[in-house]
Amino acid sequence: MDYARINAAALAVLPSLVARWLPDGRCVGNEWTARNPRRADRTPGSFRVNMRTGKWADFATGDRGGDPISLAAYLAGVSQAEAARSLASMLGV
């Protein structure tokens, strides 16, 4: 599986992906700021995704990742391989 190719394809459409995955968020500068759906997060702010690089972090818990595949895996609660397969299928890669 070509993770680099899948990540590149996901980065090209990252704004639409994060809007779908984190619909209560909004773009603040170069970051998508939202509530973390994996925990009882009441207000947006600590969970952010860099829209240029795909790096993401929950600054309240320390959870973080470096690319769209790791974000998809984290949000879905699946392995990175499973997230990569799903993204590849979704993006036609």
C-alpha atoms as a PDB file:
ATOM      1  CA  MET A   1       0.000   0.000   0.000  1.00  0.00           C
ATOM      2  CA  ASP A   2       1.376   3.387  -1.012  1.00  0.00           C
ATOM      3  CA  TYR A   3       0.821   5.478   2.128  1.00  0.00           C
ATOM      4  CA  ALA A   4       2.581   8.515   0.675  1.00  0.00           C
ATOM      5  CA  ARG A   5       0.311   8.535  -2.366  1.00  0.00           C
ATOM      6  CA  ILE A   6      -2.816   8.114  -0.244  1.00  0.00           C
ATOM      7  CA  ASN A   7      -1.741  10.918   2.105  1.00  0.00           C
ATOM      8  CA  ALA A   8      -0.976  13.197  -0.857  1.00  0.00           C
ATOM      9  CA  ALA A   9      -4.423  12.545  -2.347  1.00  0.00           C
ATOM     10  CA  ALA A  10      -6.058  13.160   1.034  1.00  0.00           C
ATOM     11  CA  LEU A  11      -4.117  16.399   1.560  1.00  0.00           C
ATOM     12  CA  ALA A  12      -5.392  17.658  -1.793  1.00  0.00           C
ATOM     13  CA  VAL A  13      -8.975  17.407  -0.505  1.00  0.00           C
ATOM     14  CA  LEU A  14      -8.341  17.799   3.230  1.00  0.00           C
ATOM     15  CA  PRO A  15     -10.771  20.715   3.681  1.00  0.00           C
ATOM     16  CA  SER A  16     -13.680  18.571   2.507  1.00  0.00           C
ATOM     17  CA  LEU A  17     -12.502  15.550   4.523  1.00  0.00           C
ATOM     18  CA  VAL A  18     -12.256  17.414   7.829  1.00  0.00           C
ATOM     19  CA  ALA A  19     -15.580  19.145   7.183  1.00  0.00           C
ATOM     20  CA  ARG A  20     -17.102  15.685   6.781  1.00  0.00           C
ATOM     21  CA  TRP A  21     -15.287  14.067   9.715  1.00  0.00           C
ATOM     22  CA  LEU A  22     -15.502  17.049  12.090  1.00  0.00           C
ATOM     23  CA  PRO A  23     -18.630  18.929  10.953  1.00  0.00           C
ATOM     24  CA  ASP A  24     -18.844  21.187  13.999  1.00  0.00           C
ATOM     25  CA  GLY A  25     -15.403  22.644  13.304  1.00  0.00           C
ATOM     26  CA  ARG A  26     -14.249  25.742  11.515  1.00  0.00           C
ATOM     27  CA  CYS A  27     -11.132  26.996   9.815  1.00  0.00           C
ATOM     28  CA  VAL A  28      -9.028  29.337  11.932  1.00  0.00           C
ATOM     29  CA  GLY A  29      -6.012  30.462   9.943  1.00  0.00           C
ATOM     30  CA  ASN A  30      -4.375  27.294   8.592  1.00  0.00           C
ATOM     31  CA  GLU A  31      -6.063  25.005  11.109  1.00  0.00           C
ATOM     32  CA  TRP A  32      -9.396  23.242  11.387  1.00  0.00           C
ATOM     33  CA  THR A  33     -10.516  23.648  14.988  1.00  0.00           C
ATOM     34  CA  ALA A  34     -13.201  21.310  16.294  1.00  0.00           C
ATOM     35  CA  ARG A  35     -14.404  19.275  19.235  1.00  0.00           C
ATOM     36  CA  ASN A  36     -12.805  15.865  19.567  1.00  0.00           C
ATOM     37  CA  PRO A  37     -15.553  13.317  18.848  1.00  0.00           C
ATOM     38  CA  ARG A  38     -13.563  10.600  20.661  1.00  0.00           C
ATOM     39  CA  ARG A  39     -14.082  12.184  24.077  1.00  0.00           C
ATOM     40  CA  ALA A  40     -16.580  14.332  25.966  1.00  0.00           C
ATOM     41  CA  ASP A  41     -15.275  17.562  24.478  1.00  0.00           C
ATOM     42  CA  ARG A  42     -17.763  20.389  25.036  1.00  0.00           C
ATOM     43  CA  THR A  43     -16.087  23.255  23.221  1.00  0.00           C
ATOM     44  CA  PRO A  44     -13.889  23.494  20.132  1.00  0.00           C
ATOM     45  CA  GLY A  45     -10.332  24.626  20.595  1.00  0.00           C
ATOM     46  CA  SER A  46      -8.005  21.899  21.753  1.00  0.00           C
ATOM     47  CA  PHE A  47      -8.488  19.578  18.743  1.00  0.00           C
ATOM     48  CA  ARG A  48      -6.840  20.959  15.622  1.00  0.00           C
ATOM     49  CA  VAL A  49      -5.807  19.816  12.158  1.00  0.00           C
ATOM     50  CA  ASN A  50      -3.199  21.712  10.142  1.00  0.00           C
ATOM     51  CA  MET A  51      -4.779  22.119   6.709  1.00  0.00           C
ATOM     52  CA  ARG A  52      -1.442  22.350   4.881  1.00  0.00           C
ATOM     53  CA  THR A  53       0.387  19.413   6.446  1.00  0.00           C
ATOM     54  CA  GLY A  54      -2.357  17.151   7.789  1.00  0.00           C
ATOM     55  CA  LYS A  55      -0.738  17.081  11.228  1.00  0.00           C
ATOM     56  CA  TRP A  56      -3.314  16.992  13.999  1.00  0.00           C
ATOM     57  CA  ALA A  57      -3.421  17.074  17.774  1.00  0.00           C
ATOM     58  CA  ASP A  58      -5.707  17.106  20.757  1.00  0.00           C
ATOM     59  CA  PHE A  59      -3.814  19.438  23.045  1.00  0.00           C
ATOM     60  CA  ALA A  60      -5.994  18.437  26.013  1.00  0.00           C
ATOM     61  CA  THR A  61      -5.071  14.739  25.844  1.00  0.00           C
ATOM     62  CA  GLY A  62      -1.779  14.671  23.963  1.00  0.00           C
ATOM     63  CA  ASP A  63      -3.178  12.511  21.149  1.00  0.00           C
ATOM     64  CA  ARG A  64      -1.569  13.497  17.867  1.00  0.00           C
ATOM     65  CA  GLY A  65      -0.589  12.356  14.411  1.00  0.00           C
ATOM     66  CA  GLY A  66       1.315  13.489  11.381  1.00  0.00           C
ATOM     67  CA  ASP A  67      -0.933  12.887   8.393  1.00  0.00           C
ATOM     68  CA  PRO A  68      -4.484  12.373   7.115  1.00  0.00           C
ATOM     69  CA  ILE A  69      -4.257   8.574   7.403  1.00  0.00           C
ATOM     70  CA  SER A  70      -3.445   8.770  11.103  1.00  0.00           C
ATOM     71  CA  LEU A  71      -6.303  11.252  11.577  1.00  0.00           C
ATOM     72  CA  ALA A  72      -8.758   8.947   9.802  1.00  0.00           C
ATOM     73  CA  ALA A  73      -7.542   5.998  11.890  1.00  0.00           C
ATOM     74  CA  TYR A  74      -7.849   7.941  15.135  1.00  0.00           C
ATOM     75  CA  LEU A  75     -11.337   9.278  14.403  1.00  0.00           C
ATOM     76  CA  ALA A  76     -12.663   5.887  13.238  1.00  0.00           C
ATOM     77  CA  GLY A  77     -10.882   3.909  15.945  1.00  0.00           C
ATOM     78  CA  VAL A  78      -9.219   1.608  13.407  1.00  0.00           C
ATOM     79  CA  SER A  79      -5.669   0.682  12.426  1.00  0.00           C
ATOM     80  CA  GLN A  80      -3.705   2.917  10.088  1.00  0.00           C
ATOM     81  CA  ALA A  81      -3.721   0.139   7.469  1.00  0.00           C
ATOM     82  CA  GLU A  82      -7.514  -0.046   7.591  1.00  0.00           C
ATOM     83  CA  ALA A  83      -7.809   3.744   7.455  1.00  0.00           C
ATOM     84  CA  ALA A  84      -5.412   3.860   4.489  1.00  0.00           C
ATOM     85  CA  ARG A  85      -7.452   1.239   2.600  1.00  0.00           C
ATOM     86  CA  SER A  86     -10.657   3.146   3.294  1.00  0.00           C
ATOM     87  CA  LEU A  87      -9.176   6.487   2.207  1.00  0.00           C
ATOM     88  CA  ALA A  88      -7.653   4.934  -0.915  1.00  0.00           C
ATOM     89  CA  SER A  89     -11.028   3.528  -1.868  1.00  0.00           C
ATOM     90  CA  MET A  90     -12.827   6.797  -1.104  1.00  0.00           C
ATOM     91  CA  LEU A  91     -10.316   8.850  -3.089  1.00  0.00           C
ATOM     92  CA  GLY A  92      -9.869   6.416  -5.973  1.00  0.00           C
ATOM     93  CA  VAL A  93      -6.159   5.943  -5.321  1.00  0.00           C
END
